Amino acid sequence: MSFQKPLILLILSLSLFSLSHCGSTKDSDEPITFQQNPPFLIGQVTSQKWVAGVKEGGSGTEMRANFSNIKQGVVFKEIYYRGQVAEISAIFGKKDVYKASFKDEVKDFMMDSDPQVEAQNTPRKVFPFELKLFEAVISYDYQGTLSYVKIKEVLEKELLALPSQNPNGINKL
């Protein structure tokens, strides 16, 4: 009887300790820190909103980033800008110039009395950064480590209005 009380207390303590770590991940425990000296130099970063000339064409934002002195092994991953995330990739034929495209999408959410129908809605992702209007963040992998660098000044270009033209190249009047 004397050993049962410490044994129950030990089991209860271990159970509470294991439950206290439920739902925690490495990502949520550690704040994201920005690299002050990334393995590349950042040149001009621009954003340009665009709208299609036809209703079905949509709208979005294209970003371009100029880099130099990129160390071997750097792989650019994503760019975070104004609450959105997009993959960043090299522009074919242009050394050290990368781009990312954000498409403006209006997502409709289904509201239904049937929970299974509503469960088909895709939950919105939480944007991981608090950025000012003209700031962005670029993620990159270098030597097996995912890192982040903050861009403090994104130059916003004038709106690009694409012409309305049908696929055959003949304008409708």
N, C-alpha and C. Protein backbone atom coordinates (compact mmCIF):
# COMPACT_ATOMS: atom_id res chain seq x y z
N MET A 1 0.81 -1.18 0.00
CA MET A 1 0.00 0.00 0.00
C MET A 1 0.86 1.25 0.00
N SER A 2 2.03 1.18 0.60
CA SER A 2 2.89 2.36 0.70
C SER A 2 3.51 2.71 -0.66
N PHE A 3 3.71 1.73 -1.53
CA PHE A 3 4.32 2.03 -2.84
C PHE A 3 3.27 2.42 -3.89
N GLN A 4 1.98 2.16 -3.66
CA GLN A 4 0.93 2.47 -4.63
C GLN A 4 0.74 3.98 -4.79
N LYS A 5 0.80 4.73 -3.71
CA LYS A 5 0.58 6.16 -3.79
C LYS A 5 1.67 6.84 -4.63
N PRO A 6 2.96 6.57 -4.41
CA PRO A 6 3.98 7.18 -5.28
C PRO A 6 3.88 6.70 -6.74
N LEU A 7 3.48 5.45 -6.93
CA LEU A 7 3.34 4.92 -8.28
C LEU A 7 2.20 5.63 -9.02
N ILE A 8 1.08 5.82 -8.38
CA ILE A 8 -0.06 6.53 -8.98
C ILE A 8 0.33 7.98 -9.25
N LEU A 9 1.04 8.60 -8.33
CA LEU A 9 1.48 9.97 -8.50
C LEU A 9 2.45 10.09 -9.69
N LEU A 10 3.33 9.13 -9.83
CA LEU A 10 4.28 9.11 -10.95
C LEU A 10 3.55 8.96 -12.28
N ILE A 11 2.61 8.05 -12.37
CA ILE A 11 1.85 7.82 -13.60
C ILE A 11 1.03 9.05 -13.96
N LEU A 12 0.40 9.65 -12.95
CA LEU A 12 -0.38 10.86 -13.17
C LEU A 12 0.50 12.01 -13.66
N SER A 13 1.67 12.17 -13.07
CA SER A 13 2.60 13.23 -13.48
C SER A 13 3.08 13.03 -14.91
N LEU A 14 3.42 11.79 -15.26
CA LEU A 14 3.87 11.50 -16.63
C LEU A 14 2.75 11.75 -17.64
N SER A 15 1.54 11.39 -17.28
CA SER A 15 0.39 11.62 -18.17
C SER A 15 0.17 13.10 -18.40
N LEU A 16 0.18 13.87 -17.33
CA LEU A 16 -0.01 15.32 -17.46
C LEU A 16 1.12 15.95 -18.27
N PHE A 17 2.35 15.50 -18.06
CA PHE A 17 3.48 16.03 -18.79
C PHE A 17 3.36 15.74 -20.29
N SER A 18 2.96 14.53 -20.64
CA SER A 18 2.83 14.18 -22.06
C SER A 18 1.67 14.92 -22.71
N LEU A 19 0.58 15.15 -21.98
CA LEU A 19 -0.54 15.89 -22.53
C LEU A 19 -0.24 17.37 -22.69
N SER A 20 0.65 17.89 -21.86
CA SER A 20 0.96 19.33 -21.96
C SER A 20 1.71 19.66 -23.25
N HIS A 21 2.27 18.67 -23.93
CA HIS A 21 2.99 18.91 -25.18
C HIS A 21 2.16 18.57 -26.41
N CYS A 22 0.90 18.22 -26.23
CA CYS A 22 0.05 17.93 -27.38
C CYS A 22 -0.17 19.20 -28.19
N GLY A 23 -0.07 19.07 -29.49
CA GLY A 23 -0.35 20.20 -30.37
C GLY A 23 0.80 21.16 -30.53
N SER A 24 1.86 21.02 -29.77
CA SER A 24 2.97 21.94 -29.96
C SER A 24 3.92 21.36 -30.99
N THR A 25 4.44 22.24 -31.82
CA THR A 25 5.40 21.83 -32.84
C THR A 25 6.59 22.74 -32.76
N LYS A 26 7.62 22.36 -33.47
CA LYS A 26 8.82 23.17 -33.51
C LYS A 26 8.50 24.54 -34.11
N ASP A 27 7.64 24.56 -35.14
CA ASP A 27 7.31 25.80 -35.80
C ASP A 27 6.60 26.77 -34.88
N SER A 28 5.69 26.27 -34.06
CA SER A 28 4.91 27.18 -33.22
C SER A 28 5.68 27.62 -31.99
N ASP A 29 6.68 26.86 -31.55
CA ASP A 29 7.42 27.21 -30.35
C ASP A 29 8.52 28.23 -30.62
N GLU A 30 9.11 28.20 -31.80
CA GLU A 30 10.23 29.07 -32.09
C GLU A 30 9.80 30.20 -33.01
N PRO A 31 10.10 31.44 -32.62
CA PRO A 31 9.77 32.54 -33.52
C PRO A 31 10.70 32.52 -34.73
N ILE A 32 10.19 33.00 -35.85
CA ILE A 32 10.99 33.05 -37.06
C ILE A 32 11.93 34.24 -36.96
N THR A 33 13.21 33.98 -37.17
CA THR A 33 14.19 35.06 -37.15
C THR A 33 14.68 35.30 -38.57
N PHE A 34 14.97 36.54 -38.86
CA PHE A 34 15.42 36.93 -40.19
C PHE A 34 16.94 36.97 -40.24
N GLN A 35 17.49 36.47 -41.34
CA GLN A 35 18.93 36.49 -41.54
C GLN A 35 19.37 37.91 -41.87
N GLN A 36 20.38 38.38 -41.19
CA GLN A 36 20.90 39.73 -41.45
C GLN A 36 21.95 39.70 -42.57
N ASN A 37 22.64 38.57 -42.74
CA ASN A 37 23.68 38.43 -43.76
C ASN A 37 23.42 37.17 -44.58
N PRO A 38 22.43 37.21 -45.48
CA PRO A 38 22.14 36.01 -46.27
C PRO A 38 23.27 35.72 -47.26
N PRO A 39 23.32 34.50 -47.79
CA PRO A 39 24.39 34.11 -48.71
C PRO A 39 24.14 34.62 -50.14
N PHE A 40 23.64 35.83 -50.26
CA PHE A 40 23.40 36.49 -51.54
C PHE A 40 23.14 37.96 -51.24
N LEU A 41 23.24 38.78 -52.28
CA LEU A 41 22.91 40.20 -52.14
C LEU A 41 21.57 40.45 -52.80
N ILE A 42 20.76 41.29 -52.18
CA ILE A 42 19.43 41.59 -52.70
C ILE A 42 19.48 42.94 -53.41
N GLY A 43 19.06 42.92 -54.68
CA GLY A 43 18.96 44.16 -55.45
C GLY A 43 17.53 44.67 -55.37
N GLN A 44 17.06 45.21 -56.45
CA GLN A 44 15.72 45.78 -56.49
C GLN A 44 14.66 44.67 -56.48
N VAL A 45 13.63 44.88 -55.69
CA VAL A 45 12.47 43.98 -55.65
C VAL A 45 11.26 44.83 -56.02
N THR A 46 10.51 44.38 -57.04
CA THR A 46 9.35 45.14 -57.50
C THR A 46 8.09 44.30 -57.45
N SER A 47 6.96 44.98 -57.35
CA SER A 47 5.66 44.33 -57.48
C SER A 47 4.85 45.13 -58.48
N GLN A 48 4.04 44.42 -59.25
CA GLN A 48 3.19 45.08 -60.23
C GLN A 48 1.85 44.37 -60.28
N LYS A 49 0.81 45.10 -59.93
CA LYS A 49 -0.54 44.55 -60.04
C LYS A 49 -0.92 44.53 -61.51
N TRP A 50 -1.71 43.52 -61.90
CA TRP A 50 -2.19 43.42 -63.27
C TRP A 50 -3.65 43.03 -63.27
N VAL A 51 -4.35 43.44 -64.31
CA VAL A 51 -5.74 43.03 -64.51
C VAL A 51 -5.88 42.61 -65.96
N ALA A 52 -6.63 41.57 -66.18
CA ALA A 52 -6.87 41.09 -67.53
C ALA A 52 -7.93 41.97 -68.20
N GLY A 53 -7.92 41.97 -69.51
CA GLY A 53 -8.87 42.78 -70.25
C GLY A 53 -10.24 42.16 -70.37
N VAL A 54 -10.38 40.93 -69.89
CA VAL A 54 -11.68 40.26 -69.92
C VAL A 54 -12.02 39.81 -68.50
N LYS A 55 -13.31 39.74 -68.22
CA LYS A 55 -13.77 39.42 -66.87
C LYS A 55 -13.20 38.09 -66.36
N GLU A 56 -13.16 37.09 -67.21
CA GLU A 56 -12.71 35.76 -66.81
C GLU A 56 -11.19 35.68 -66.65
N GLY A 57 -10.49 36.72 -67.10
CA GLY A 57 -9.02 36.71 -67.06
C GLY A 57 -8.43 36.89 -65.69
N GLY A 58 -9.17 37.53 -64.81
CA GLY A 58 -8.72 37.69 -63.43
C GLY A 58 -7.77 38.84 -63.23
N SER A 59 -7.07 38.79 -62.11
CA SER A 59 -6.11 39.82 -61.74
C SER A 59 -5.10 39.21 -60.78
N GLY A 60 -4.05 39.95 -60.51
CA GLY A 60 -3.04 39.44 -59.59
C GLY A 60 -1.89 40.41 -59.44
N THR A 61 -0.80 39.90 -58.92
CA THR A 61 0.41 40.68 -58.71
C THR A 61 1.60 39.83 -59.13
N GLU A 62 2.52 40.44 -59.88
CA GLU A 62 3.76 39.75 -60.21
C GLU A 62 4.89 40.47 -59.51
N MET A 63 5.77 39.69 -58.90
CA MET A 63 6.93 40.26 -58.22
C MET A 63 8.19 39.80 -58.92
N ARG A 64 9.17 40.67 -58.95
CA ARG A 64 10.49 40.34 -59.49
C ARG A 64 11.54 40.76 -58.47
N ALA A 65 12.53 39.92 -58.31
CA ALA A 65 13.62 40.20 -57.37
C ALA A 65 14.95 39.97 -58.07
N ASN A 66 15.84 40.93 -57.93
CA ASN A 66 17.18 40.83 -58.49
C ASN A 66 18.15 40.47 -57.37
N PHE A 67 18.94 39.43 -57.60
CA PHE A 67 19.93 39.00 -56.63
C PHE A 67 21.30 39.00 -57.30
N SER A 68 22.34 39.05 -56.49
CA SER A 68 23.70 38.90 -57.01
C SER A 68 24.52 38.17 -55.96
N ASN A 69 25.69 37.73 -56.36
CA ASN A 69 26.60 37.00 -55.47
C ASN A 69 25.91 35.85 -54.74
N ILE A 70 25.09 35.11 -55.47
CA ILE A 70 24.38 33.97 -54.86
C ILE A 70 25.37 32.83 -54.66
N LYS A 71 25.54 32.43 -53.42
CA LYS A 71 26.46 31.33 -53.12
C LYS A 71 25.87 30.03 -53.64
N GLN A 72 26.76 29.15 -54.04
CA GLN A 72 26.33 27.85 -54.53
C GLN A 72 25.59 27.10 -53.43
N GLY A 73 24.47 26.50 -53.80
CA GLY A 73 23.67 25.75 -52.84
C GLY A 73 22.44 26.49 -52.34
N VAL A 74 22.31 27.78 -52.67
CA VAL A 74 21.13 28.54 -52.27
C VAL A 74 19.96 28.15 -53.17
N VAL A 75 18.85 27.78 -52.57
CA VAL A 75 17.63 27.46 -53.31
C VAL A 75 16.52 28.36 -52.77
N PHE A 76 16.04 29.28 -53.61
CA PHE A 76 14.96 30.16 -53.19
C PHE A 76 13.66 29.38 -53.18
N LYS A 77 12.83 29.60 -52.16
CA LYS A 77 11.61 28.81 -51.97
C LYS A 77 10.34 29.63 -52.23
N GLU A 78 10.05 30.58 -51.34
CA GLU A 78 8.78 31.30 -51.40
C GLU A 78 8.99 32.77 -51.09
N ILE A 79 8.01 33.56 -51.51
CA ILE A 79 7.98 34.97 -51.14
C ILE A 79 6.64 35.25 -50.47
N TYR A 80 6.69 36.00 -49.39
CA TYR A 80 5.51 36.35 -48.60
C TYR A 80 5.28 37.84 -48.80
N TYR A 81 4.07 38.20 -49.23
CA TYR A 81 3.81 39.60 -49.54
C TYR A 81 2.32 39.88 -49.40
N ARG A 82 1.99 40.87 -48.62
CA ARG A 82 0.61 41.33 -48.43
C ARG A 82 -0.38 40.20 -48.15
N GLY A 83 0.00 39.34 -47.23
CA GLY A 83 -0.89 38.28 -46.79
C GLY A 83 -0.96 37.08 -47.70
N GLN A 84 -0.10 37.02 -48.72
CA GLN A 84 -0.11 35.89 -49.65
C GLN A 84 1.28 35.26 -49.71
N VAL A 85 1.30 34.02 -50.19
CA VAL A 85 2.55 33.29 -50.34
C VAL A 85 2.59 32.72 -51.74
N ALA A 86 3.76 32.82 -52.40
CA ALA A 86 3.92 32.25 -53.74
C ALA A 86 5.33 31.68 -53.87
N GLU A 87 5.44 30.67 -54.72
CA GLU A 87 6.76 30.11 -55.02
C GLU A 87 7.55 31.13 -55.82
N ILE A 88 8.85 31.17 -55.57
CA ILE A 88 9.72 32.08 -56.31
C ILE A 88 10.65 31.23 -57.17
N SER A 89 10.79 31.61 -58.44
CA SER A 89 11.62 30.82 -59.35
C SER A 89 12.39 31.73 -60.28
N ALA A 90 13.48 31.20 -60.81
CA ALA A 90 14.34 31.96 -61.72
C ALA A 90 13.62 32.19 -63.04
N ILE A 91 13.87 33.36 -63.63
CA ILE A 91 13.33 33.67 -64.95
C ILE A 91 14.29 33.09 -65.97
N PHE A 92 13.77 32.28 -66.87
CA PHE A 92 14.58 31.61 -67.87
C PHE A 92 15.36 32.64 -68.69
N GLY A 93 16.64 32.45 -68.79
CA GLY A 93 17.49 33.31 -69.62
C GLY A 93 17.95 34.58 -68.94
N LYS A 94 17.48 34.86 -67.74
CA LYS A 94 17.91 36.07 -67.04
C LYS A 94 18.63 35.66 -65.76
N LYS A 95 19.91 35.84 -65.75
CA LYS A 95 20.71 35.43 -64.61
C LYS A 95 20.38 36.28 -63.38
N ASP A 96 20.14 35.62 -62.30
CA ASP A 96 19.92 36.27 -61.00
C ASP A 96 18.64 37.09 -60.90
N VAL A 97 17.68 36.86 -61.80
CA VAL A 97 16.38 37.53 -61.71
C VAL A 97 15.33 36.45 -61.44
N TYR A 98 14.55 36.66 -60.40
CA TYR A 98 13.55 35.68 -59.98
C TYR A 98 12.17 36.35 -59.98
N LYS A 99 11.13 35.51 -60.10
CA LYS A 99 9.77 36.05 -60.10
C LYS A 99 8.84 35.17 -59.28
N ALA A 100 7.75 35.79 -58.89
CA ALA A 100 6.67 35.08 -58.20
C ALA A 100 5.36 35.71 -58.65
N SER A 101 4.33 34.89 -58.78
CA SER A 101 3.03 35.38 -59.23
C SER A 101 1.96 35.06 -58.20
N PHE A 102 1.19 36.08 -57.85
CA PHE A 102 0.07 35.94 -56.94
C PHE A 102 -1.19 36.19 -57.76
N LYS A 103 -2.09 35.25 -57.77
CA LYS A 103 -3.37 35.43 -58.47
C LYS A 103 -4.42 35.79 -57.44
N ASP A 104 -5.16 36.87 -57.72
CA ASP A 104 -6.25 37.25 -56.83
C ASP A 104 -7.39 36.26 -57.03
N GLU A 105 -7.74 35.56 -55.99
CA GLU A 105 -8.82 34.58 -56.08
C GLU A 105 -9.87 34.91 -55.04
N VAL A 106 -11.10 34.87 -55.49
CA VAL A 106 -12.21 35.04 -54.56
C VAL A 106 -12.69 33.64 -54.20
N LYS A 107 -12.48 33.27 -52.96
CA LYS A 107 -12.89 31.94 -52.53
C LYS A 107 -14.25 32.01 -51.88
N ASP A 108 -15.15 31.22 -52.42
CA ASP A 108 -16.48 31.13 -51.83
C ASP A 108 -16.47 30.01 -50.80
N PHE A 109 -17.10 30.27 -49.69
CA PHE A 109 -17.23 29.25 -48.67
C PHE A 109 -18.67 28.77 -48.66
N MET A 110 -18.80 27.45 -48.63
CA MET A 110 -20.13 26.86 -48.62
C MET A 110 -20.67 26.86 -47.19
N MET A 111 -21.81 27.43 -47.02
CA MET A 111 -22.49 27.40 -45.74
C MET A 111 -23.66 26.42 -45.90
N ASP A 112 -23.72 25.45 -45.02
CA ASP A 112 -24.73 24.43 -45.15
C ASP A 112 -25.09 23.90 -43.77
N SER A 113 -26.29 23.45 -43.63
CA SER A 113 -26.70 22.86 -42.35
C SER A 113 -26.05 21.49 -42.15
N ASP A 114 -25.59 20.89 -43.25
CA ASP A 114 -24.91 19.60 -43.18
C ASP A 114 -23.42 19.84 -42.92
N PRO A 115 -22.89 19.44 -41.78
CA PRO A 115 -21.48 19.68 -41.46
C PRO A 115 -20.52 19.03 -42.45
N GLN A 116 -20.93 17.93 -43.10
CA GLN A 116 -20.05 17.27 -44.06
C GLN A 116 -19.85 18.13 -45.31
N VAL A 117 -20.88 18.88 -45.70
CA VAL A 117 -20.75 19.77 -46.85
C VAL A 117 -19.83 20.93 -46.49
N GLU A 118 -20.02 21.51 -45.30
CA GLU A 118 -19.16 22.61 -44.87
C GLU A 118 -17.72 22.17 -44.66
N ALA A 119 -17.51 20.91 -44.33
CA ALA A 119 -16.16 20.40 -44.10
C ALA A 119 -15.33 20.42 -45.38
N GLN A 120 -15.96 20.56 -46.54
CA GLN A 120 -15.23 20.62 -47.80
C GLN A 120 -14.54 21.97 -47.99
N ASN A 121 -14.89 22.97 -47.20
CA ASN A 121 -14.22 24.27 -47.28
C ASN A 121 -12.76 24.12 -46.86
N THR A 122 -11.89 24.81 -47.56
CA THR A 122 -10.48 24.79 -47.21
C THR A 122 -10.22 25.93 -46.22
N PRO A 123 -9.69 25.61 -45.04
CA PRO A 123 -9.44 26.68 -44.08
C PRO A 123 -8.33 27.61 -44.56
N ARG A 124 -8.47 28.88 -44.23
CA ARG A 124 -7.45 29.85 -44.61
C ARG A 124 -6.20 29.64 -43.76
N LYS A 125 -5.04 29.77 -44.42
CA LYS A 125 -3.79 29.63 -43.70
C LYS A 125 -3.47 30.93 -42.97
N VAL A 126 -2.85 30.79 -41.84
CA VAL A 126 -2.44 31.95 -41.07
C VAL A 126 -1.14 32.48 -41.67
N PHE A 127 -1.11 33.77 -41.99
CA PHE A 127 0.10 34.38 -42.54
C PHE A 127 1.10 34.53 -41.40
N PRO A 128 2.33 34.02 -41.56
CA PRO A 128 3.25 33.93 -40.43
C PRO A 128 4.00 35.21 -40.06
N PHE A 129 3.80 36.29 -40.80
CA PHE A 129 4.58 37.50 -40.55
C PHE A 129 3.68 38.73 -40.42
N GLU A 130 4.15 39.70 -39.64
CA GLU A 130 3.52 41.01 -39.59
C GLU A 130 4.41 41.93 -40.40
N LEU A 131 3.94 42.30 -41.59
CA LEU A 131 4.75 43.12 -42.49
C LEU A 131 4.07 44.45 -42.76
N LYS A 132 4.87 45.45 -43.01
CA LYS A 132 4.35 46.75 -43.43
C LYS A 132 3.94 46.62 -44.89
N LEU A 133 3.28 47.66 -45.41
CA LEU A 133 2.70 47.63 -46.75
C LEU A 133 3.71 47.29 -47.84
N PHE A 134 4.91 47.81 -47.79
CA PHE A 134 5.89 47.59 -48.85
C PHE A 134 7.03 46.68 -48.40
N GLU A 135 6.75 45.77 -47.48
CA GLU A 135 7.73 44.78 -47.04
C GLU A 135 7.35 43.40 -47.55
N ALA A 136 8.36 42.55 -47.70
CA ALA A 136 8.15 41.16 -48.12
C ALA A 136 9.18 40.30 -47.40
N VAL A 137 8.97 38.99 -47.44
CA VAL A 137 9.92 38.04 -46.86
C VAL A 137 10.19 36.96 -47.90
N ILE A 138 11.45 36.60 -48.04
CA ILE A 138 11.83 35.52 -48.95
C ILE A 138 12.39 34.38 -48.11
N SER A 139 11.91 33.17 -48.39
CA SER A 139 12.47 31.98 -47.73
C SER A 139 13.40 31.30 -48.71
N TYR A 140 14.47 30.74 -48.17
CA TYR A 140 15.45 30.04 -49.00
C TYR A 140 16.10 28.94 -48.18
N ASP A 141 16.62 27.96 -48.90
CA ASP A 141 17.32 26.85 -48.27
C ASP A 141 18.81 27.01 -48.58
N TYR A 142 19.63 26.88 -47.56
CA TYR A 142 21.09 26.95 -47.76
C TYR A 142 21.74 25.98 -46.78
N GLN A 143 22.46 25.04 -47.32
CA GLN A 143 23.15 24.02 -46.54
C GLN A 143 22.20 23.26 -45.62
N GLY A 144 21.01 22.97 -46.15
CA GLY A 144 20.04 22.16 -45.43
C GLY A 144 19.23 22.92 -44.38
N THR A 145 19.36 24.24 -44.33
CA THR A 145 18.63 25.02 -43.35
C THR A 145 17.71 26.00 -44.06
N LEU A 146 16.43 25.99 -43.67
CA LEU A 146 15.47 26.94 -44.20
C LEU A 146 15.62 28.25 -43.44
N SER A 147 15.82 29.33 -44.19
CA SER A 147 16.04 30.65 -43.57
C SER A 147 15.14 31.67 -44.23
N TYR A 148 15.03 32.82 -43.59
CA TYR A 148 14.16 33.90 -44.06
C TYR A 148 14.93 35.21 -44.06
N VAL A 149 14.65 36.03 -45.07
CA VAL A 149 15.23 37.36 -45.13
C VAL A 149 14.10 38.35 -45.44
N LYS A 150 14.12 39.48 -44.73
CA LYS A 150 13.06 40.48 -44.92
C LYS A 150 13.53 41.52 -45.93
N ILE A 151 12.65 41.82 -46.87
CA ILE A 151 12.86 42.89 -47.83
C ILE A 151 12.13 44.10 -47.27
N LYS A 152 12.84 45.16 -47.00
CA LYS A 152 12.23 46.32 -46.34
C LYS A 152 11.62 47.31 -47.30
N GLU A 153 11.94 47.20 -48.60
CA GLU A 153 11.38 48.16 -49.55
C GLU A 153 11.10 47.49 -50.89
N VAL A 154 9.83 47.20 -51.12
CA VAL A 154 9.38 46.67 -52.41
C VAL A 154 8.88 47.86 -53.22
N LEU A 155 9.43 48.04 -54.40
CA LEU A 155 9.02 49.13 -55.28
C LEU A 155 7.77 48.70 -56.03
N GLU A 156 6.70 49.47 -55.89
CA GLU A 156 5.45 49.13 -56.55
C GLU A 156 5.36 49.87 -57.88
N LYS A 157 5.26 49.08 -58.96
CA LYS A 157 5.13 49.66 -60.30
C LYS A 157 3.67 49.97 -60.59
N GLU A 158 3.45 50.75 -61.65
CA GLU A 158 2.11 51.13 -62.07
C GLU A 158 1.31 49.91 -62.51
N LEU A 159 0.00 49.97 -62.29
CA LEU A 159 -0.92 48.89 -62.68
C LEU A 159 -0.76 48.56 -64.15
N LEU A 160 -0.71 47.28 -64.47
CA LEU A 160 -0.62 46.82 -65.86
C LEU A 160 -2.00 46.31 -66.27
N ALA A 161 -2.64 47.04 -67.19
CA ALA A 161 -3.95 46.63 -67.70
C ALA A 161 -3.72 45.92 -69.02
N LEU A 162 -3.96 44.63 -69.03
CA LEU A 162 -3.74 43.84 -70.23
C LEU A 162 -4.88 44.07 -71.21
N PRO A 163 -4.59 44.11 -72.51
CA PRO A 163 -5.65 44.40 -73.49
C PRO A 163 -6.67 43.28 -73.55
N SER A 164 -7.90 43.67 -73.91
CA SER A 164 -8.92 42.64 -74.09
C SER A 164 -8.85 42.16 -75.52
N GLN A 165 -8.56 40.92 -75.66
CA GLN A 165 -8.41 40.33 -76.98
C GLN A 165 -8.87 38.89 -76.88
N ASN A 166 -9.58 38.45 -77.90
CA ASN A 166 -10.02 37.06 -77.84
C ASN A 166 -8.87 36.16 -78.27
N PRO A 167 -8.96 34.85 -78.03
CA PRO A 167 -7.84 33.95 -78.30
C PRO A 167 -7.36 33.94 -79.76
N ASN A 168 -8.22 34.27 -80.75
CA ASN A 168 -7.77 34.26 -82.15
C ASN A 168 -7.02 35.51 -82.52
N GLY A 169 -6.96 36.49 -81.63
CA GLY A 169 -6.25 37.71 -81.91
C GLY A 169 -7.11 38.75 -82.62
N ILE A 170 -8.39 38.51 -82.76
CA ILE A 170 -9.28 39.46 -83.42
C ILE A 170 -10.16 40.10 -82.36
N ASN A 171 -10.07 41.41 -82.24
CA ASN A 171 -10.88 42.13 -81.25
C ASN A 171 -12.35 42.11 -81.63
N LYS A 172 -13.20 41.94 -80.65
CA LYS A 172 -14.64 42.01 -80.88
C LYS A 172 -15.07 43.47 -80.74
N LEU A 173 -15.99 43.90 -81.58
CA LEU A 173 -16.50 45.27 -81.50
C LEU A 173 -17.89 45.30 -80.94
